[in-house]
Amino acid sequence: MNTTEIKGNWNEIKGKLKQQYADLTDDDLLYEEGKEDEMYGKIQKRIGKSKDEITKWIADL
């Protein structure tokens, strides 16, 4: 899944992430153009997974 696909489906992806990881907040999942790395960092901090694991999980959705 590329960045364009992620942006287009972000609300759906965000919902699935919140279902899987209840610790994530809306602030953690705020998608802003050009700040993807910051968002991944927040997610990593909350759920304790690497960026590669997170991107693979999102791609598998």
PDB file of N, CA and C in Angstrom:
ATOM      1  N   MET A   1       0.858  -1.165   0.000  1.00  0.00           N
ATOM      2  CA  MET A   1       0.000   0.000   0.000  1.00  0.00           C
ATOM      3  C   MET A   1       0.902   1.226   0.000  1.00  0.00           C
ATOM      4  N   ASN A   2       0.676   2.138  -0.929  1.00  0.00           N
ATOM      5  CA  ASN A   2       1.519   3.333  -0.995  1.00  0.00           C
ATOM      6  C   ASN A   2       0.884   4.487  -0.228  1.00  0.00           C
ATOM      7  N   THR A   3       1.586   5.594  -0.164  1.00  0.00           N
ATOM      8  CA  THR A   3       1.130   6.746   0.614  1.00  0.00           C
ATOM      9  C   THR A   3      -0.216   7.266   0.131  1.00  0.00           C
ATOM     10  N   THR A   4      -0.436   7.284  -1.175  1.00  0.00           N
ATOM     11  CA  THR A   4      -1.706   7.769  -1.720  1.00  0.00           C
ATOM     12  C   THR A   4      -2.858   6.877  -1.273  1.00  0.00           C
ATOM     13  N   GLU A   5      -2.643   5.566  -1.300  1.00  0.00           N
ATOM     14  CA  GLU A   5      -3.688   4.643  -0.864  1.00  0.00           C
ATOM     15  C   GLU A   5      -3.952   4.785   0.631  1.00  0.00           C
ATOM     16  N   ILE A   6      -2.890   4.993   1.392  1.00  0.00           N
ATOM     17  CA  ILE A   6      -3.059   5.173   2.836  1.00  0.00           C
ATOM     18  C   ILE A   6      -3.867   6.435   3.111  1.00  0.00           C
ATOM     19  N   LYS A   7      -3.542   7.535   2.441  1.00  0.00           N
ATOM     20  CA  LYS A   7      -4.276   8.792   2.648  1.00  0.00           C
ATOM     21  C   LYS A   7      -5.748   8.614   2.304  1.00  0.00           C
ATOM     22  N   GLY A   8      -6.027   7.920   1.193  1.00  0.00           N
ATOM     23  CA  GLY A   8      -7.404   7.735   0.749  1.00  0.00           C
ATOM     24  C   GLY A   8      -8.225   6.867   1.682  1.00  0.00           C
ATOM     25  N   ASN A   9      -7.582   5.934   2.368  1.00  0.00           N
ATOM     26  CA  ASN A   9      -8.280   4.997   3.247  1.00  0.00           C
ATOM     27  C   ASN A   9      -7.977   5.237   4.720  1.00  0.00           C
ATOM     28  N   TRP A  10      -7.462   6.403   5.049  1.00  0.00           N
ATOM     29  CA  TRP A  10      -6.961   6.619   6.401  1.00  0.00           C
ATOM     30  C   TRP A  10      -8.016   6.447   7.473  1.00  0.00           C
ATOM     31  N   ASN A  11      -9.244   6.913   7.251  1.00  0.00           N
ATOM     32  CA  ASN A  11     -10.277   6.776   8.285  1.00  0.00           C
ATOM     33  C   ASN A  11     -10.549   5.308   8.595  1.00  0.00           C
ATOM     34  N   GLU A  12     -10.578   4.473   7.567  1.00  0.00           N
ATOM     35  CA  GLU A  12     -10.792   3.044   7.764  1.00  0.00           C
ATOM     36  C   GLU A  12      -9.600   2.414   8.493  1.00  0.00           C
ATOM     37  N   ILE A  13      -8.400   2.761   8.064  1.00  0.00           N
ATOM     38  CA  ILE A  13      -7.183   2.240   8.695  1.00  0.00           C
ATOM     39  C   ILE A  13      -7.118   2.677  10.154  1.00  0.00           C
ATOM     40  N   LYS A  14      -7.425   3.942  10.390  1.00  0.00           N
ATOM     41  CA  LYS A  14      -7.393   4.487  11.754  1.00  0.00           C
ATOM     42  C   LYS A  14      -8.362   3.722  12.657  1.00  0.00           C
ATOM     43  N   GLY A  15      -9.542   3.430  12.156  1.00  0.00           N
ATOM     44  CA  GLY A  15     -10.522   2.675  12.939  1.00  0.00           C
ATOM     45  C   GLY A  15     -10.015   1.284  13.289  1.00  0.00           C
ATOM     46  N   LYS A  16      -9.384   0.613  12.328  1.00  0.00           N
ATOM     47  CA  LYS A  16      -8.862  -0.727  12.585  1.00  0.00           C
ATOM     48  C   LYS A  16      -7.699  -0.694  13.566  1.00  0.00           C
ATOM     49  N   LEU A  17      -6.856   0.320  13.467  1.00  0.00           N
ATOM     50  CA  LEU A  17      -5.753   0.466  14.420  1.00  0.00           C
ATOM     51  C   LEU A  17      -6.286   0.670  15.827  1.00  0.00           C
ATOM     52  N   LYS A  18      -7.316   1.490  15.972  1.00  0.00           N
ATOM     53  CA  LYS A  18      -7.884   1.759  17.294  1.00  0.00           C
ATOM     54  C   LYS A  18      -8.567   0.521  17.866  1.00  0.00           C
ATOM     55  N   GLN A  19      -9.171  -0.304  16.988  1.00  0.00           N
ATOM     56  CA  GLN A  19      -9.769  -1.550  17.458  1.00  0.00           C
ATOM     57  C   GLN A  19      -8.700  -2.501  17.960  1.00  0.00           C
ATOM     58  N   GLN A  20      -7.612  -2.598  17.226  1.00  0.00           N
ATOM     59  CA  GLN A  20      -6.527  -3.517  17.567  1.00  0.00           C
ATOM     60  C   GLN A  20      -5.731  -3.032  18.777  1.00  0.00           C
ATOM     61  N   TYR A  21      -5.506  -1.723  18.853  1.00  0.00           N
ATOM     62  CA  TYR A  21      -4.671  -1.137  19.905  1.00  0.00           C
ATOM     63  C   TYR A  21      -5.436  -0.006  20.591  1.00  0.00           C
ATOM     64  N   ALA A  22      -6.134  -0.346  21.652  1.00  0.00           N
ATOM     65  CA  ALA A  22      -6.994   0.611  22.342  1.00  0.00           C
ATOM     66  C   ALA A  22      -6.220   1.785  22.945  1.00  0.00           C
ATOM     67  N   ASP A  23      -4.911   1.643  23.127  1.00  0.00           N
ATOM     68  CA  ASP A  23      -4.101   2.713  23.715  1.00  0.00           C
ATOM     69  C   ASP A  23      -3.903   3.893  22.770  1.00  0.00           C
ATOM     70  N   LEU A  24      -4.149   3.691  21.481  1.00  0.00           N
ATOM     71  CA  LEU A  24      -3.935   4.767  20.509  1.00  0.00           C
ATOM     72  C   LEU A  24      -5.033   5.816  20.624  1.00  0.00           C
ATOM     73  N   THR A  25      -4.640   7.079  20.552  1.00  0.00           N
ATOM     74  CA  THR A  25      -5.588   8.182  20.625  1.00  0.00           C
ATOM     75  C   THR A  25      -5.739   8.822  19.251  1.00  0.00           C
ATOM     76  N   ASP A  26      -6.726   9.690  19.113  1.00  0.00           N
ATOM     77  CA  ASP A  26      -6.895  10.424  17.853  1.00  0.00           C
ATOM     78  C   ASP A  26      -5.661  11.272  17.548  1.00  0.00           C
ATOM     79  N   ASP A  27      -5.036  11.833  18.579  1.00  0.00           N
ATOM     80  CA  ASP A  27      -3.818  12.624  18.373  1.00  0.00           C
ATOM     81  C   ASP A  27      -2.677  11.761  17.829  1.00  0.00           C
ATOM     82  N   ASP A  28      -2.591  10.514  18.298  1.00  0.00           N
ATOM     83  CA  ASP A  28      -1.555   9.613  17.787  1.00  0.00           C
ATOM     84  C   ASP A  28      -1.765   9.312  16.310  1.00  0.00           C
ATOM     85  N   LEU A  29      -3.008   9.289  15.889  1.00  0.00           N
ATOM     86  CA  LEU A  29      -3.356   8.864  14.537  1.00  0.00           C
ATOM     87  C   LEU A  29      -3.709  10.028  13.617  1.00  0.00           C
ATOM     88  N   LEU A  30      -3.332  11.224  14.006  1.00  0.00           N
ATOM     89  CA  LEU A  30      -3.598  12.394  13.184  1.00  0.00           C
ATOM     90  C   LEU A  30      -2.679  12.386  11.972  1.00  0.00           C
ATOM     91  N   TYR A  31      -3.262  12.245  10.793  1.00  0.00           N
ATOM     92  CA  TYR A  31      -2.477  12.171   9.555  1.00  0.00           C
ATOM     93  C   TYR A  31      -2.354  13.567   8.969  1.00  0.00           C
ATOM     94  N   GLU A  32      -1.131  14.068   8.916  1.00  0.00           N
ATOM     95  CA  GLU A  32      -0.855  15.371   8.329  1.00  0.00           C
ATOM     96  C   GLU A  32       0.169  15.206   7.226  1.00  0.00           C
ATOM     97  N   GLU A  33      -0.073  15.869   6.114  1.00  0.00           N
ATOM     98  CA  GLU A  33       0.844  15.823   4.977  1.00  0.00           C
ATOM     99  C   GLU A  33       2.256  16.204   5.411  1.00  0.00           C
ATOM    100  N   GLY A  34       3.213  15.366   5.083  1.00  0.00           N
ATOM    101  CA  GLY A  34       4.604  15.652   5.407  1.00  0.00           C
ATOM    102  C   GLY A  34       5.030  15.275   6.817  1.00  0.00           C
ATOM    103  N   LYS A  35       4.106  14.797   7.635  1.00  0.00           N
ATOM    104  CA  LYS A  35       4.445  14.439   9.019  1.00  0.00           C
ATOM    105  C   LYS A  35       4.196  12.957   9.293  1.00  0.00           C
ATOM    106  N   GLU A  36       4.329  12.136   8.249  1.00  0.00           N
ATOM    107  CA  GLU A  36       4.090  10.708   8.400  1.00  0.00           C
ATOM    108  C   GLU A  36       5.042  10.069   9.402  1.00  0.00           C
ATOM    109  N   ASP A  37       6.317  10.444   9.352  1.00  0.00           N
ATOM    110  CA  ASP A  37       7.305   9.867  10.271  1.00  0.00           C
ATOM    111  C   ASP A  37       6.973  10.184  11.724  1.00  0.00           C
ATOM    112  N   GLU A  38       6.498  11.403  11.954  1.00  0.00           N
ATOM    113  CA  GLU A  38       6.117  11.787  13.313  1.00  0.00           C
ATOM    114  C   GLU A  38       4.951  10.916  13.796  1.00  0.00           C
ATOM    115  N   MET A  39       3.969  10.682  12.911  1.00  0.00           N
ATOM    116  CA  MET A  39       2.815   9.862  13.263  1.00  0.00           C
ATOM    117  C   MET A  39       3.270   8.429  13.555  1.00  0.00           C
ATOM    118  N   TYR A  40       4.139   7.873  12.687  1.00  0.00           N
ATOM    119  CA  TYR A  40       4.642   6.523  12.930  1.00  0.00           C
ATOM    120  C   TYR A  40       5.390   6.449  14.253  1.00  0.00           C
ATOM    121  N   GLY A  41       6.129   7.484  14.591  1.00  0.00           N
ATOM    122  CA  GLY A  41       6.846   7.528  15.864  1.00  0.00           C
ATOM    123  C   GLY A  41       5.907   7.469  17.050  1.00  0.00           C
ATOM    124  N   LYS A  42       4.807   8.199  16.971  1.00  0.00           N
ATOM    125  CA  LYS A  42       3.812   8.179  18.052  1.00  0.00           C
ATOM    126  C   LYS A  42       3.191   6.794  18.192  1.00  0.00           C
ATOM    127  N   ILE A  43       2.879   6.182  17.046  1.00  0.00           N
ATOM    128  CA  ILE A  43       2.287   4.837  17.079  1.00  0.00           C
ATOM    129  C   ILE A  43       3.289   3.844  17.663  1.00  0.00           C
ATOM    130  N   GLN A  44       4.544   3.929  17.228  1.00  0.00           N
ATOM    131  CA  GLN A  44       5.591   3.039  17.746  1.00  0.00           C
ATOM    132  C   GLN A  44       5.708   3.150  19.258  1.00  0.00           C
ATOM    133  N   LYS A  45       5.689   4.371  19.749  1.00  0.00           N
ATOM    134  CA  LYS A  45       5.830   4.623  21.177  1.00  0.00           C
ATOM    135  C   LYS A  45       4.673   3.988  21.958  1.00  0.00           C
ATOM    136  N   ARG A  46       3.481   4.079  21.421  1.00  0.00           N
ATOM    137  CA  ARG A  46       2.295   3.558  22.116  1.00  0.00           C
ATOM    138  C   ARG A  46       2.210   2.040  22.099  1.00  0.00           C
ATOM    139  N   ILE A  47       2.495   1.412  20.930  1.00  0.00           N
ATOM    140  CA  ILE A  47       2.258  -0.028  20.826  1.00  0.00           C
ATOM    141  C   ILE A  47       3.523  -0.870  20.864  1.00  0.00           C
ATOM    142  N   GLY A  48       4.685  -0.234  20.818  1.00  0.00           N
ATOM    143  CA  GLY A  48       5.933  -0.954  20.965  1.00  0.00           C
ATOM    144  C   GLY A  48       6.328  -1.821  19.779  1.00  0.00           C
ATOM    145  N   LYS A  49       5.932  -1.435  18.589  1.00  0.00           N
ATOM    146  CA  LYS A  49       6.309  -2.161  17.378  1.00  0.00           C
ATOM    147  C   LYS A  49       7.165  -1.268  16.498  1.00  0.00           C
ATOM    148  N   SER A  50       7.948  -1.880  15.629  1.00  0.00           N
ATOM    149  CA  SER A  50       8.808  -1.104  14.734  1.00  0.00           C
ATOM    150  C   SER A  50       7.989  -0.489  13.601  1.00  0.00           C
ATOM    151  N   LYS A  51       8.577   0.510  12.954  1.00  0.00           N
ATOM    152  CA  LYS A  51       7.904   1.144  11.826  1.00  0.00           C
ATOM    153  C   LYS A  51       7.622   0.128  10.729  1.00  0.00           C
ATOM    154  N   ASP A  52       8.564  -0.785  10.491  1.00  0.00           N
ATOM    155  CA  ASP A  52       8.368  -1.815   9.475  1.00  0.00           C
ATOM    156  C   ASP A  52       7.187  -2.719   9.819  1.00  0.00           C
ATOM    157  N   GLU A  53       7.060  -3.082  11.088  1.00  0.00           N
ATOM    158  CA  GLU A  53       5.931  -3.915  11.514  1.00  0.00           C
ATOM    159  C   GLU A  53       4.605  -3.179  11.332  1.00  0.00           C
ATOM    160  N   ILE A  54       4.602  -1.902  11.657  1.00  0.00           N
ATOM    161  CA  ILE A  54       3.381  -1.103  11.526  1.00  0.00           C
ATOM    162  C   ILE A  54       2.991  -0.954  10.055  1.00  0.00           C
ATOM    163  N   THR A  55       3.963  -0.611   9.208  1.00  0.00           N
ATOM    164  CA  THR A  55       3.642  -0.424   7.783  1.00  0.00           C
ATOM    165  C   THR A  55       3.215  -1.749   7.150  1.00  0.00           C
ATOM    166  N   LYS A  56       3.813  -2.860   7.563  1.00  0.00           N
ATOM    167  CA  LYS A  56       3.395  -4.162   7.033  1.00  0.00           C
ATOM    168  C   LYS A  56       1.968  -4.466   7.461  1.00  0.00           C
ATOM    169  N   TRP A  57       1.644  -4.213   8.719  1.00  0.00           N
ATOM    170  CA  TRP A  57       0.302  -4.472   9.224  1.00  0.00           C
ATOM    171  C   TRP A  57      -0.714  -3.628   8.459  1.00  0.00           C
ATOM    172  N   ILE A  58      -0.407  -2.363   8.238  1.00  0.00           N
ATOM    173  CA  ILE A  58      -1.316  -1.478   7.491  1.00  0.00           C
ATOM    174  C   ILE A  58      -1.466  -1.971   6.059  1.00  0.00           C
ATOM    175  N   ALA A  59      -0.379  -2.379   5.435  1.00  0.00           N
ATOM    176  CA  ALA A  59      -0.427  -2.865   4.053  1.00  0.00           C
ATOM    177  C   ALA A  59      -1.265  -4.140   3.942  1.00  0.00           C
ATOM    178  N   ASP A  60      -1.270  -4.947   4.982  1.00  0.00           N
ATOM    179  CA  ASP A  60      -2.029  -6.198   4.959  1.00  0.00           C
ATOM    180  C   ASP A  60      -3.517  -5.990   5.168  1.00  0.00           C
ATOM    181  N   LEU A  61      -3.918  -4.787   5.558  1.00  0.00           N
ATOM    182  CA  LEU A  61      -5.346  -4.521   5.735  1.00  0.00           C
ATOM    183  C   LEU A  61      -5.987  -4.586   4.403  1.00  0.00           C
TER     184      LEU A  61
END
